C-alpha atoms as a PDB file:
ATOM      1  CA  MET A   1      91.043 107.018  84.956  1.00  0.00           C
ATOM      2  CA  TYR A   2      93.464 104.328  83.443  1.00  0.00           C
ATOM      3  CA  ILE A   3      92.410 100.738  84.113  1.00  0.00           C
ATOM      4  CA  THR A   4      93.989  97.441  83.126  1.00  0.00           C
ATOM      5  CA  ILE A   5      92.836  93.773  83.659  1.00  0.00           C
ATOM      6  CA  THR A   6      95.712  91.341  83.165  1.00  0.00           C
ATOM      7  CA  ALA A   7      95.778  87.580  83.457  1.00  0.00           C
ATOM      8  CA  GLN A   8      98.405  85.675  85.604  1.00  0.00           C
ATOM      9  CA  ASN A   9     101.517  85.130  83.617  1.00  0.00           C
ATOM     10  CA  MET A  10     101.454  81.163  83.152  1.00  0.00           C
ATOM     11  CA  GLY A  11     104.413  81.075  80.786  1.00  0.00           C
ATOM     12  CA  GLY A  12     108.123  80.182  81.218  1.00  0.00           C
ATOM     13  CA  ASN A  13     109.227  79.671  84.681  1.00  0.00           C
ATOM     14  CA  TYR A  14     106.584  81.749  86.281  1.00  0.00           C
ATOM     15  CA  SER A  15     105.171  80.204  89.385  1.00  0.00           C
ATOM     16  CA  LYS A  16     101.414  79.129  89.356  1.00  0.00           C
ATOM     17  CA  SER A  17     101.327  80.621  93.007  1.00  0.00           C
ATOM     18  CA  SER A  18     100.327  84.136  93.696  1.00  0.00           C
ATOM     19  CA  ALA A  19     103.192  84.586  96.129  1.00  0.00           C
ATOM     20  CA  ASP A  20     105.446  86.453  93.630  1.00  0.00           C
ATOM     21  CA  PHE A  21     102.839  88.778  92.586  1.00  0.00           C
ATOM     22  CA  VAL A  22     101.725  89.503  96.300  1.00  0.00           C
ATOM     23  CA  GLY A  23     105.454  89.945  97.005  1.00  0.00           C
ATOM     24  CA  TYR A  24     105.839  92.441  94.403  1.00  0.00           C
ATOM     25  CA  LEU A  25     102.915  94.357  95.888  1.00  0.00           C
ATOM     26  CA  GLU A  26     104.583  94.528  99.256  1.00  0.00           C
ATOM     27  CA  LYS A  27     107.674  96.477  97.648  1.00  0.00           C
ATOM     28  CA  GLU A  28     106.643  99.962  99.388  1.00  0.00           C
ATOM     29  CA  ASN A  29     106.453  98.271 102.713  1.00  0.00           C
ATOM     30  CA  GLN A  30     110.112  97.339 102.627  1.00  0.00           C
ATOM     31  CA  GLY A  31     111.798  99.355 105.481  1.00  0.00           C
ATOM     32  CA  GLN A  32     108.724 100.788 106.719  1.00  0.00           C
ATOM     33  CA  GLU A  33     107.524 100.827 110.477  1.00  0.00           C
ATOM     34  CA  GLN A  34     104.458  98.685 111.144  1.00  0.00           C
ATOM     35  CA  GLN A  35     102.325 101.680 111.466  1.00  0.00           C
ATOM     36  CA  ASP A  36     103.421 103.200 108.330  1.00  0.00           C
ATOM     37  CA  MET A  37     102.833 100.061 106.250  1.00  0.00           C
ATOM     38  CA  GLU A  38      99.923  99.819 103.627  1.00  0.00           C
ATOM     39  CA  HIS A  39      98.078  96.704 104.164  1.00  0.00           C
ATOM     40  CA  PHE A  40      95.592  94.559 101.860  1.00  0.00           C
ATOM     41  CA  PHE A  41      92.012  95.064 102.203  1.00  0.00           C
ATOM     42  CA  ASN A  42      88.982  93.513 100.571  1.00  0.00           C
ATOM     43  CA  GLN A  43      85.165  94.195 100.664  1.00  0.00           C
ATOM     44  CA  TYR A  44      84.752  93.138 104.171  1.00  0.00           C
ATOM     45  CA  GLY A  45      88.138  93.959 105.908  1.00  0.00           C
ATOM     46  CA  ASP A  46      91.274  96.155 106.403  1.00  0.00           C
ATOM     47  CA  GLU A  47      95.004  95.216 107.396  1.00  0.00           C
ATOM     48  CA  ILE A  48      95.006  91.910 105.826  1.00  0.00           C
ATOM     49  CA  SER A  49      98.242  90.187 105.773  1.00  0.00           C
ATOM     50  CA  ALA A  50     100.259  89.296 102.640  1.00  0.00           C
ATOM     51  CA  THR A  51     100.437  85.639 103.717  1.00  0.00           C
ATOM     52  CA  GLU A  52      96.491  85.313 104.052  1.00  0.00           C
ATOM     53  CA  VAL A  53      96.138  86.736 100.509  1.00  0.00           C
ATOM     54  CA  VAL A  54      98.499  84.183  99.093  1.00  0.00           C
ATOM     55  CA  ARG A  55      96.806  81.378 101.163  1.00  0.00           C
ATOM     56  CA  GLU A  56      93.192  82.351  99.951  1.00  0.00           C
ATOM     57  CA  ILE A  57      94.199  82.999  96.293  1.00  0.00           C
ATOM     58  CA  ASP A  58      96.083  79.826  95.989  1.00  0.00           C
ATOM     59  CA  GLY A  59      93.569  77.762  97.875  1.00  0.00           C
ATOM     60  CA  ASN A  60      90.711  78.830  95.425  1.00  0.00           C
ATOM     61  CA  THR A  61      91.845  77.088  92.321  1.00  0.00           C
ATOM     62  CA  ALA A  62      89.629  74.052  92.127  1.00  0.00           C
ATOM     63  CA  LYS A  63      89.520  72.231  88.784  1.00  0.00           C
ATOM     64  CA  LEU A  64      91.463  74.826  86.957  1.00  0.00           C
ATOM     65  CA  GLU A  65      93.507  73.457  84.083  1.00  0.00           C
ATOM     66  CA  LYS A  66      97.416  73.785  84.130  1.00  0.00           C
ATOM     67  CA  HIS A  67      97.255  76.493  81.459  1.00  0.00           C
ATOM     68  CA  GLU A  68      94.464  78.715  83.126  1.00  0.00           C
ATOM     69  CA  PRO A  69      95.422  81.615  85.012  1.00  0.00           C
ATOM     70  CA  ARG A  70      94.472  81.395  88.838  1.00  0.00           C
ATOM     71  CA  PHE A  71      93.972  85.094  89.278  1.00  0.00           C
ATOM     72  CA  TYR A  72      93.700  88.352  87.461  1.00  0.00           C
ATOM     73  CA  SER A  73      95.227  91.572  88.489  1.00  0.00           C
ATOM     74  CA  ILE A  74      93.458  95.051  87.954  1.00  0.00           C
ATOM     75  CA  THR A  75      95.362  98.152  88.199  1.00  0.00           C
ATOM     76  CA  VAL A  76      93.264 101.338  88.776  1.00  0.00           C
ATOM     77  CA  SER A  77      95.337 104.562  88.070  1.00  0.00           C
ATOM     78  CA  PRO A  78      93.358 107.858  88.729  1.00  0.00           C
ATOM     79  CA  SER A  79      94.703 110.816  86.834  1.00  0.00           C
ATOM     80  CA  LYS A  80      96.248 113.839  88.770  1.00  0.00           C
ATOM     81  CA  TYR A  81      93.055 115.753  88.120  1.00  0.00           C
ATOM     82  CA  GLU A  82      91.025 112.960  89.683  1.00  0.00           C
ATOM     83  CA  LEU A  83      93.390 112.629  92.577  1.00  0.00           C
ATOM     84  CA  LYS A  84      93.032 116.284  93.387  1.00  0.00           C
ATOM     85  CA  ARG A  85      89.347 115.671  94.028  1.00  0.00           C
ATOM     86  CA  LEU A  86      90.119 113.345  96.897  1.00  0.00           C
ATOM     87  CA  GLN A  87      89.954 114.576 100.422  1.00  0.00           C
ATOM     88  CA  ASN A  88      91.658 111.626 102.100  1.00  0.00           C
ATOM     89  CA  HIS A  89      93.438 109.383  99.548  1.00  0.00           C
ATOM     90  CA  ASN A  90      93.781 106.135 101.303  1.00  0.00           C
ATOM     91  CA  GLN A  91      90.240 106.174 102.747  1.00  0.00           C
ATOM     92  CA  ASP A  92      88.763 107.476  99.438  1.00  0.00           C
ATOM     93  CA  LEU A  93      90.582 105.085  97.269  1.00  0.00           C
ATOM     94  CA  GLN A  94      89.571 102.076  99.568  1.00  0.00           C
ATOM     95  CA  LYS A  95      85.826 103.351  99.290  1.00  0.00           C
ATOM     96  CA  TYR A  96      86.259 103.642  95.518  1.00  0.00           C
ATOM     97  CA  THR A  97      87.746 100.172  95.174  1.00  0.00           C
ATOM     98  CA  ARG A  98      84.705  98.717  97.057  1.00  0.00           C
ATOM     99  CA  GLU A  99      82.232 100.253  94.816  1.00  0.00           C
ATOM    100  CA  ILE A 100      84.097  99.578  91.412  1.00  0.00           C
ATOM    101  CA  MET A 101      84.324  95.808  92.569  1.00  0.00           C
ATOM    102  CA  LYS A 102      80.425  95.982  92.581  1.00  0.00           C
ATOM    103  CA  ASP A 103      80.774  97.302  89.001  1.00  0.00           C
ATOM    104  CA  TYR A 104      83.229  94.455  88.133  1.00  0.00           C
ATOM    105  CA  VAL A 105      80.701  91.740  89.246  1.00  0.00           C
ATOM    106  CA  ALA A 106      77.950  93.564  87.410  1.00  0.00           C
ATOM    107  CA  SER A 107      79.873  93.376  84.141  1.00  0.00           C
ATOM    108  CA  PHE A 108      79.815  89.535  84.050  1.00  0.00           C
ATOM    109  CA  ASN A 109      77.095  88.232  81.945  1.00  0.00           C
ATOM    110  CA  ARG A 110      76.849  85.023  84.222  1.00  0.00           C
ATOM    111  CA  GLU A 111      74.677  83.407  86.872  1.00  0.00           C
ATOM    112  CA  ILE A 112      75.341  81.292  89.824  1.00  0.00           C
ATOM    113  CA  ASN A 113      72.663  79.051  90.918  1.00  0.00           C
ATOM    114  CA  GLY A 114      70.111  80.855  88.842  1.00  0.00           C
ATOM    115  CA  ARG A 115      70.872  84.392  90.132  1.00  0.00           C
ATOM    116  CA  PRO A 116      73.037  87.328  88.862  1.00  0.00           C
ATOM    117  CA  ILE A 117      76.747  87.402  90.362  1.00  0.00           C
ATOM    118  CA  THR A 118      77.012  89.726  93.519  1.00  0.00           C
ATOM    119  CA  ILE A 119      79.998  91.061  95.416  1.00  0.00           C
ATOM    120  CA  GLY A 120      79.773  88.185  97.815  1.00  0.00           C
ATOM    121  CA  ASP A 121      80.541  85.766  94.963  1.00  0.00           C
ATOM    122  CA  ILE A 122      84.220  86.846  94.359  1.00  0.00           C
ATOM    123  CA  LYS A 123      87.288  86.545  96.120  1.00  0.00           C
ATOM    124  CA  TYR A 124      89.664  89.742  95.855  1.00  0.00           C
ATOM    125  CA  TYR A 125      92.330  91.688  97.768  1.00  0.00           C
ATOM    126  CA  ALA A 126      93.449  95.233  96.957  1.00  0.00           C
ATOM    127  CA  LYS A 127      96.322  97.288  97.892  1.00  0.00           C
ATOM    128  CA  ILE A 128      97.070 101.019  97.501  1.00  0.00           C
ATOM    129  CA  GLU A 129     100.515 102.238  96.405  1.00  0.00           C
ATOM    130  CA  HIS A 130     101.827 105.746  96.373  1.00  0.00           C
ATOM    131  CA  GLN A 131     104.816 105.443  94.029  1.00  0.00           C
ATOM    132  CA  ARG A 132     105.578 104.895  90.439  1.00  0.00           C
ATOM    133  CA  THR A 133     108.931 104.707  88.488  1.00  0.00           C
ATOM    134  CA  PHE A 134     109.374 105.613  84.810  1.00  0.00           C
ATOM    135  CA  LYS A 135     109.173 102.567  82.527  1.00  0.00           C
ATOM    136  CA  GLY A 136     110.330 101.659  79.160  1.00  0.00           C
ATOM    137  CA  THR A 137     106.807 102.067  77.672  1.00  0.00           C
ATOM    138  CA  ASP A 138     106.410 105.753  78.846  1.00  0.00           C
ATOM    139  CA  PHE A 139     106.634 108.329  76.214  1.00  0.00           C
ATOM    140  CA  GLN A 140     109.173 110.216  78.101  1.00  0.00           C
ATOM    141  CA  ILE A 141     111.564 107.353  77.978  1.00  0.00           C
ATOM    142  CA  LYS A 142     110.781 106.663  74.514  1.00  0.00           C
ATOM    143  CA  GLU A 143     111.307 110.293  73.458  1.00  0.00           C
ATOM    144  CA  ASN A 144     114.634 110.555  75.505  1.00  0.00           C
ATOM    145  CA  GLN A 145     115.881 107.323  73.942  1.00  0.00           C
ATOM    146  CA  PRO A 146     118.133 108.812  71.153  1.00  0.00           C
ATOM    147  CA  TYR A 147     119.864 111.147  73.865  1.00  0.00           C
ATOM    148  CA  ALA A 148     120.483 107.974  76.077  1.00  0.00           C
ATOM    149  CA  THR A 149     122.002 106.106  73.201  1.00  0.00           C
ATOM    150  CA  LYS A 150     124.275 108.869  72.355  1.00  0.00           C
ATOM    151  CA  ILE A 151     125.146 109.534  76.119  1.00  0.00           C
ATOM    152  CA  LEU A 152     126.101 105.641  76.409  1.00  0.00           C
ATOM    153  CA  GLN A 153     128.190 105.732  73.225  1.00  0.00           C
ATOM    154  CA  LEU A 154     130.119 108.646  74.587  1.00  0.00           C
ATOM    155  CA  LYS A 155     130.633 106.986  77.905  1.00  0.00           C
ATOM    156  CA  THR A 156     131.931 103.953  76.029  1.00  0.00           C
ATOM    157  CA  GLU A 157     134.400 106.182  74.308  1.00  0.00           C
ATOM    158  CA  ILE A 158     135.646 107.890  77.494  1.00  0.00           C
ATOM    159  CA  ARG A 159     136.256 104.392  78.989  1.00  0.00           C
ATOM    160  CA  ASN A 160     138.278 103.272  75.709  1.00  0.00           C
ATOM    161  CA  VAL A 161     140.376 106.449  76.211  1.00  0.00           C
ATOM    162  CA  GLN A 162     140.941 106.103  79.764  1.00  0.00           C
ATOM    163  CA  ASP A 163     141.959 102.384  79.454  1.00  0.00           C
ATOM    164  CA  GLY A 164     144.343 103.222  76.527  1.00  0.00           C
ATOM    165  CA  ARG A 165     142.135 101.525  73.798  1.00  0.00           C
ATOM    166  CA  ALA A 166     141.414 104.699  71.831  1.00  0.00           C
ATOM    167  CA  GLU A 167     142.541 108.355  71.541  1.00  0.00           C
ATOM    168  CA  GLY A 168     140.402 111.231  72.422  1.00  0.00           C
ATOM    169  CA  ASN A 169     139.758 114.213  74.720  1.00  0.00           C
ATOM    170  CA  VAL A 170     137.913 113.003  77.822  1.00  0.00           C
ATOM    171  CA  LYS A 171     136.943 116.610  78.832  1.00  0.00           C
ATOM    172  CA  LYS A 172     135.563 117.274  75.390  1.00  0.00           C
ATOM    173  CA  LEU A 173     133.495 114.094  75.604  1.00  0.00           C
ATOM    174  CA  GLU A 174     132.296 114.887  79.220  1.00  0.00           C
ATOM    175  CA  LYS A 175     131.182 118.275  77.922  1.00  0.00           C
ATOM    176  CA  GLU A 176     129.134 116.606  74.886  1.00  0.00           C
ATOM    177  CA  ILE A 177     127.469 114.219  77.472  1.00  0.00           C
ATOM    178  CA  GLY A 178     126.518 117.441  79.704  1.00  0.00           C
ATOM    179  CA  LYS A 179     124.875 119.024  76.737  1.00  0.00           C
ATOM    180  CA  LEU A 180     122.880 115.997  75.891  1.00  0.00           C
ATOM    181  CA  GLU A 181     121.806 115.461  79.386  1.00  0.00           C
ATOM    182  CA  ARG A 182     120.359 119.132  79.270  1.00  0.00           C
ATOM    183  CA  GLU A 183     118.912 118.911  75.866  1.00  0.00           C
ATOM    184  CA  ALA A 184     116.903 115.708  76.357  1.00  0.00           C
ATOM    185  CA  PRO A 185     113.271 116.827  75.991  1.00  0.00           C
ATOM    186  CA  HIS A 186     111.782 115.242  79.212  1.00  0.00           C
ATOM    187  CA  GLN A 187     113.469 116.497  82.383  1.00  0.00           C
ATOM    188  CA  GLN A 188     112.433 116.177  86.001  1.00  0.00           C
ATOM    189  CA  ASN A 189     114.000 118.264  88.755  1.00  0.00           C
ATOM    190  CA  GLY A 190     116.725 119.337  86.298  1.00  0.00           C
ATOM    191  CA  LYS A 191     117.757 115.803  85.372  1.00  0.00           C
ATOM    192  CA  ARG A 192     117.042 113.705  82.148  1.00  0.00           C
ATOM    193  CA  ILE A 193     114.148 111.286  83.021  1.00  0.00           C
ATOM    194  CA  VAL A 194     115.478 107.723  82.815  1.00  0.00           C
ATOM    195  CA  GLN A 195     114.011 104.371  83.235  1.00  0.00           C
ATOM    196  CA  GLY A 196     113.465 103.438  86.865  1.00  0.00           C
ATOM    197  CA  MET A 197     113.457 107.136  87.977  1.00  0.00           C
ATOM    198  CA  ALA A 198     110.703 107.748  90.629  1.00  0.00           C
ATOM    199  CA  LYS A 199     107.849 109.929  89.219  1.00  0.00           C
ATOM    200  CA  ASP A 200     107.293 113.296  91.090  1.00  0.00           C
ATOM    201  CA  GLY A 201     104.045 114.321  92.352  1.00  0.00           C
ATOM    202  CA  ASN A 202     100.945 112.278  93.689  1.00  0.00           C
ATOM    203  CA  GLN A 203     101.181 108.892  92.156  1.00  0.00           C
ATOM    204  CA  SER A 204      98.542 106.958  94.181  1.00  0.00           C
ATOM    205  CA  HIS A 205      96.981 103.894  92.286  1.00  0.00           C
ATOM    206  CA  ILE A 206      95.281 100.747  93.386  1.00  0.00           C
ATOM    207  CA  HIS A 207      96.316  96.967  92.704  1.00  0.00           C
ATOM    208  CA  ILE A 208      93.638  94.478  92.829  1.00  0.00           C
ATOM    209  CA  ILE A 209      94.183  90.647  92.856  1.00  0.00           C
ATOM    210  CA  VAL A 210      91.027  88.692  92.137  1.00  0.00           C
ATOM    211  CA  SER A 211      90.652  84.949  92.057  1.00  0.00           C
ATOM    212  CA  ARG A 212      89.725  83.295  88.906  1.00  0.00           C
ATOM    213  CA  LYS A 213      87.218  81.052  90.893  1.00  0.00           C
ATOM    214  CA  ASP A 214      84.167  82.458  92.753  1.00  0.00           C
ATOM    215  CA  ALA A 215      84.398  82.608  96.351  1.00  0.00           C
ATOM    216  CA  SER A 216      82.616  79.166  96.720  1.00  0.00           C
ATOM    217  CA  ASN A 217      85.460  77.677  94.522  1.00  0.00           C
ATOM    218  CA  ASN A 218      82.936  75.964  92.276  1.00  0.00           C
ATOM    219  CA  PHE A 219      82.487  78.346  89.349  1.00  0.00           C
ATOM    220  CA  SER A 220      84.995  80.180  87.047  1.00  0.00           C
ATOM    221  CA  LEU A 221      84.640  83.864  86.382  1.00  0.00           C
ATOM    222  CA  SER A 222      87.033  85.053  83.843  1.00  0.00           C
ATOM    223  CA  PRO A 223      87.201  88.794  82.843  1.00  0.00           C
ATOM    224  CA  GLY A 224      89.676  87.744  80.217  1.00  0.00           C
ATOM    225  CA  SER A 225      86.999  85.823  78.435  1.00  0.00           C
ATOM    226  CA  LYS A 226      87.125  86.054  74.511  1.00  0.00           C
ATOM    227  CA  TYR A 227      83.244  86.462  74.573  1.00  0.00           C
ATOM    228  CA  LYS A 228      81.712  89.734  75.106  1.00  0.00           C
ATOM    229  CA  ALA A 229      78.593  89.524  77.180  1.00  0.00           C
ATOM    230  CA  SER A 230      76.058  87.610  75.358  1.00  0.00           C
ATOM    231  CA  ASP A 231      73.492  84.904  75.451  1.00  0.00           C
ATOM    232  CA  VAL A 232      73.794  81.743  73.312  1.00  0.00           C
ATOM    233  CA  GLU A 233      72.003  78.422  72.755  1.00  0.00           C
ATOM    234  CA  LEU A 234      73.915  75.404  74.029  1.00  0.00           C
ATOM    235  CA  ASN A 235      72.227  72.007  74.064  1.00  0.00           C
ATOM    236  CA  GLY A 236      68.823  73.683  73.663  1.00  0.00           C
ATOM    237  CA  LYS A 237      69.271  76.048  76.507  1.00  0.00           C
ATOM    238  CA  THR A 238      70.108  79.669  76.761  1.00  0.00           C
ATOM    239  CA  VAL A 239      73.545  80.170  78.343  1.00  0.00           C
ATOM    240  CA  LYS A 240      74.774  83.388  79.685  1.00  0.00           C
ATOM    241  CA  ARG A 241      78.615  83.996  79.087  1.00  0.00           C
ATOM    242  CA  GLY A 242      81.264  86.725  78.768  1.00  0.00           C
ATOM    243  CA  PHE A 243      82.407  89.999  80.408  1.00  0.00           C
ATOM    244  CA  ASP A 244      81.613  93.444  79.137  1.00  0.00           C
ATOM    245  CA  ARG A 245      85.050  95.344  79.622  1.00  0.00           C
ATOM    246  CA  ASP A 246      83.688  98.380  77.951  1.00  0.00           C
ATOM    247  CA  GLY A 247      80.928  98.402  80.295  1.00  0.00           C
ATOM    248  CA  PHE A 248      83.071  97.944  83.176  1.00  0.00           C
ATOM    249  CA  PHE A 249      85.457 100.841  82.441  1.00  0.00           C
ATOM    250  CA  THR A 250      82.743 102.949  81.796  1.00  0.00           C
ATOM    251  CA  LYS A 251      80.928 102.234  84.860  1.00  0.00           C
ATOM    252  CA  ALA A 252      84.187 102.762  86.791  1.00  0.00           C
ATOM    253  CA  GLU A 253      84.316 106.230  85.439  1.00  0.00           C
ATOM    254  CA  LYS A 254      80.683 107.070  86.442  1.00  0.00           C
ATOM    255  CA  THR A 255      81.219 105.573  89.915  1.00  0.00           C
ATOM    256  CA  PHE A 256      84.178 107.885  90.460  1.00  0.00           C
ATOM    257  CA  ASP A 257      82.225 110.957  89.277  1.00  0.00           C
ATOM    258  CA  LYS A 258      79.084 110.164  91.419  1.00  0.00           C
ATOM    259  CA  THR A 259      81.226 109.299  94.518  1.00  0.00           C
ATOM    260  CA  PHE A 260      83.437 112.242  94.543  1.00  0.00           C
ATOM    261  CA  GLY A 261      81.324 114.804  92.499  1.00  0.00           C
ATOM    262  CA  TYR A 262      83.820 115.048  89.736  1.00  0.00           C
ATOM    263  CA  GLN A 263      83.207 116.893  86.584  1.00  0.00           C
ATOM    264  CA  ARG A 264      84.818 114.705  83.772  1.00  0.00           C
ATOM    265  CA  ASN A 265      86.233 116.198  80.817  1.00  0.00           C
ATOM    266  CA  PHE A 266      85.546 114.890  77.330  1.00  0.00           C
ATOM    267  CA  ALA A 267      89.256 113.856  76.811  1.00  0.00           C
ATOM    268  CA  GLU A 268      89.138 111.803  80.178  1.00  0.00           C
ATOM    269  CA  THR A 269      86.374 109.667  79.201  1.00  0.00           C
ATOM    270  CA  TYR A 270      87.128 105.994  78.100  1.00  0.00           C
ATOM    271  CA  LYS A 271      84.842 106.312  75.118  1.00  0.00           C
ATOM    272  CA  ALA A 272      86.822 109.197  73.895  1.00  0.00           C
ATOM    273  CA  ARG A 273      90.239 107.661  74.257  1.00  0.00           C
ATOM    274  CA  LYS A 274      88.787 104.650  72.491  1.00  0.00           C
ATOM    275  CA  ASP A 275      87.451 106.684  69.626  1.00  0.00           C
ATOM    276  CA  PHE A 276      90.734 108.595  69.295  1.00  0.00           C
ATOM    277  CA  ILE A 277      92.319 105.281  68.494  1.00  0.00           C
ATOM    278  CA  LYS A 278      89.655 103.340  66.659  1.00  0.00           C
ATOM    279  CA  ASN A 279      87.220 106.136  65.274  1.00  0.00           C
ATOM    280  CA  PRO A 280      89.171 109.280  64.852  1.00  0.00           C
ATOM    281  CA  LYS A 281      86.592 110.890  62.651  1.00  0.00           C
ATOM    282  CA  ILE A 282      83.949 110.439  65.464  1.00  0.00           C
ATOM    283  CA  TYR A 283      86.556 111.780  68.004  1.00  0.00           C
ATOM    284  CA  PHE A 284      87.485 114.786  66.100  1.00  0.00           C
ATOM    285  CA  ALA A 285      83.857 115.674  65.394  1.00  0.00           C
ATOM    286  CA  SER A 286      83.032 115.456  69.208  1.00  0.00           C
ATOM    287  CA  LEU A 287      86.168 117.350  70.189  1.00  0.00           C
ATOM    288  CA  MET A 288      85.457 120.370  67.882  1.00  0.00           C
ATOM    289  CA  LYS A 289      81.824 120.577  69.124  1.00  0.00           C
ATOM    290  CA  LEU A 290      83.126 121.298  72.567  1.00  0.00           C
ATOM    291  CA  PRO A 291      82.877 124.845  74.300  1.00  0.00           C
ATOM    292  CA  THR A 292      86.180 126.534  73.756  1.00  0.00           C
ATOM    293  CA  ASN A 293      87.303 126.288  77.489  1.00  0.00           C
ATOM    294  CA  GLU A 294      86.500 122.617  77.580  1.00  0.00           C
ATOM    295  CA  ARG A 295      88.300 121.927  74.076  1.00  0.00           C
ATOM    296  CA  ALA A 296      91.415 123.705  75.509  1.00  0.00           C
ATOM    297  CA  LEU A 297      91.381 121.707  78.696  1.00  0.00           C
ATOM    298  CA  ALA A 298      90.916 118.478  76.469  1.00  0.00           C
ATOM    299  CA  PHE A 299      94.059 119.285  74.587  1.00  0.00           C
ATOM    300  CA  LYS A 300      95.993 120.026  77.849  1.00  0.00           C
ATOM    301  CA  ILE A 301      94.869 116.734  79.144  1.00  0.00           C
ATOM    302  CA  MET A 302      95.940 114.913  76.017  1.00  0.00           C
ATOM    303  CA  GLY A 303      99.322 116.547  76.170  1.00  0.00           C
ATOM    304  CA  LYS A 304      99.631 115.237  79.669  1.00  0.00           C
ATOM    305  CA  SER A 305      98.950 111.805  78.576  1.00  0.00           C
ATOM    306  CA  GLY A 306     101.853 111.544  76.162  1.00  0.00           C
ATOM    307  CA  ILE A 307     100.893 113.791  73.129  1.00  0.00           C
ATOM    308  CA  PRO A 308     103.223 116.731  73.293  1.00  0.00           C
ATOM    309  CA  MET A 309     102.047 118.107  70.144  1.00  0.00           C
ATOM    310  CA  MET A 310      98.479 118.309  71.083  1.00  0.00           C
ATOM    311  CA  PRO A 311      98.643 121.568  73.108  1.00  0.00           C
ATOM    312  CA  SER A 312      99.980 123.426  70.118  1.00  0.00           C
ATOM    313  CA  ILE A 313      96.993 122.533  67.971  1.00  0.00           C
ATOM    314  CA  PRO A 314      94.983 125.815  67.091  1.00  0.00           C
ATOM    315  CA  VAL A 315      91.823 124.649  69.087  1.00  0.00           C
ATOM    316  CA  THR A 316      89.710 127.368  67.532  1.00  0.00           C
ATOM    317  CA  GLN A 317      90.110 126.209  63.926  1.00  0.00           C
ATOM    318  CA  ALA A 318      87.366 123.737  63.073  1.00  0.00           C
ATOM    319  CA  GLN A 319      88.995 123.316  59.716  1.00  0.00           C
ATOM    320  CA  LEU A 320      91.920 121.536  61.097  1.00  0.00           C
ATOM    321  CA  ALA A 321      92.814 118.994  58.492  1.00  0.00           C
ATOM    322  CA  MET A 322      92.002 115.256  59.211  1.00  0.00           C
ATOM    323  CA  LYS A 323      95.365 114.321  57.567  1.00  0.00           C
ATOM    324  CA  ILE A 324      97.245 116.138  60.325  1.00  0.00           C
ATOM    325  CA  PHE A 325      95.120 114.825  62.953  1.00  0.00           C
ATOM    326  CA  ASN A 326      95.452 111.350  61.748  1.00  0.00           C
ATOM    327  CA  ARG A 327      99.096 111.598  61.850  1.00  0.00           C
ATOM    328  CA  LEU A 328      99.037 112.721  65.544  1.00  0.00           C
ATOM    329  CA  ARG A 329      96.642 109.833  66.425  1.00  0.00           C
ATOM    330  CA  ARG A 330      99.003 107.244  64.887  1.00  0.00           C
ATOM    331  CA  GLY A 331     101.951 108.775  66.783  1.00  0.00           C
ATOM    332  CA  ALA A 332     100.012 108.808  70.018  1.00  0.00           C
ATOM    333  CA  GLU A 333      98.733 105.099  69.770  1.00  0.00           C
ATOM    334  CA  VAL A 334     101.651 103.563  71.697  1.00  0.00           C
ATOM    335  CA  ALA A 335     101.631 106.292  74.395  1.00  0.00           C
ATOM    336  CA  ILE A 336      97.927 105.950  75.018  1.00  0.00           C
ATOM    337  CA  LYS A 337      98.117 102.134  75.135  1.00  0.00           C
ATOM    338  CA  SER A 338     101.023 102.384  77.547  1.00  0.00           C
ATOM    339  CA  SER A 339      98.901 104.448  79.777  1.00  0.00           C
ATOM    340  CA  SER A 340      96.847 101.476  80.576  1.00  0.00           C
ATOM    341  CA  ILE A 341      93.389 102.341  79.033  1.00  0.00           C
ATOM    342  CA  GLY A 342      92.896  98.679  78.449  1.00  0.00           C
ATOM    343  CA  ILE A 343      91.378  99.045  75.045  1.00  0.00           C
END
């Protein structure tokens, strides 16, 4: 499970309205018949229009400063292993969304009118999407980049030859391009993976837009708070503040496992992925204590996450050098972060 929480972009020429973001989430509905469209939903209703979402989010911004985000976006991306566990993707993902938004409110260390925050205190809208494209941050694009650069250079050479600006053998250059296309390490359906190419397989994921203000438009609830959940003394009173991101990510995993009876592998846990980056010795020790079959699956899952060298590690050798492991870890940091763990 990969989850990110992102504040509304307030810089540059970005609009303070949610209209642009909501419009972006409508992209899969373009050209679709009404019965085939994916609609927004929330805790209480289905088939909510984009117009209503914009109106409700934009109208719930009382007393916010100009520089403060009006909303946050949460992206929830189940892995292919988790998606296989679902029986009906749309119904199951809607059910899961409504459950993890309870986890979301429970992660605020805040009170409203002297009581803990409940699901009825937030204003959110969610939408399920089924398509993804390769982005520049994906490891496949990064590792194919040297080939893409060389191919572009060769195409430029061909144009120069064809336009009379240079001499050369066009057929030979085209043959070199064909060879590079085939040799690129990451292919899909026999073609080099490039930025913007649609990803194969089940790509179902959830986008959630949640208002910065509570449903009454009186209290500010920021999951981007710089404070972790804590109690502090302010003017002689104990004040609760902060949002527990680690707690939210962990609860979201447990909610999925409990809801769908999913047996989570060590490598799929938020804690394991976080340790992989921040506490490699702890991660390595935990990994090598796993039963052989679970350890092998862990390496397979890590490889699918963007660490192609991992499956080749001799999983039965407990004496695997930490020096080698650390080198792999450093090489994987960007791939893991771009997979939206949200650490």
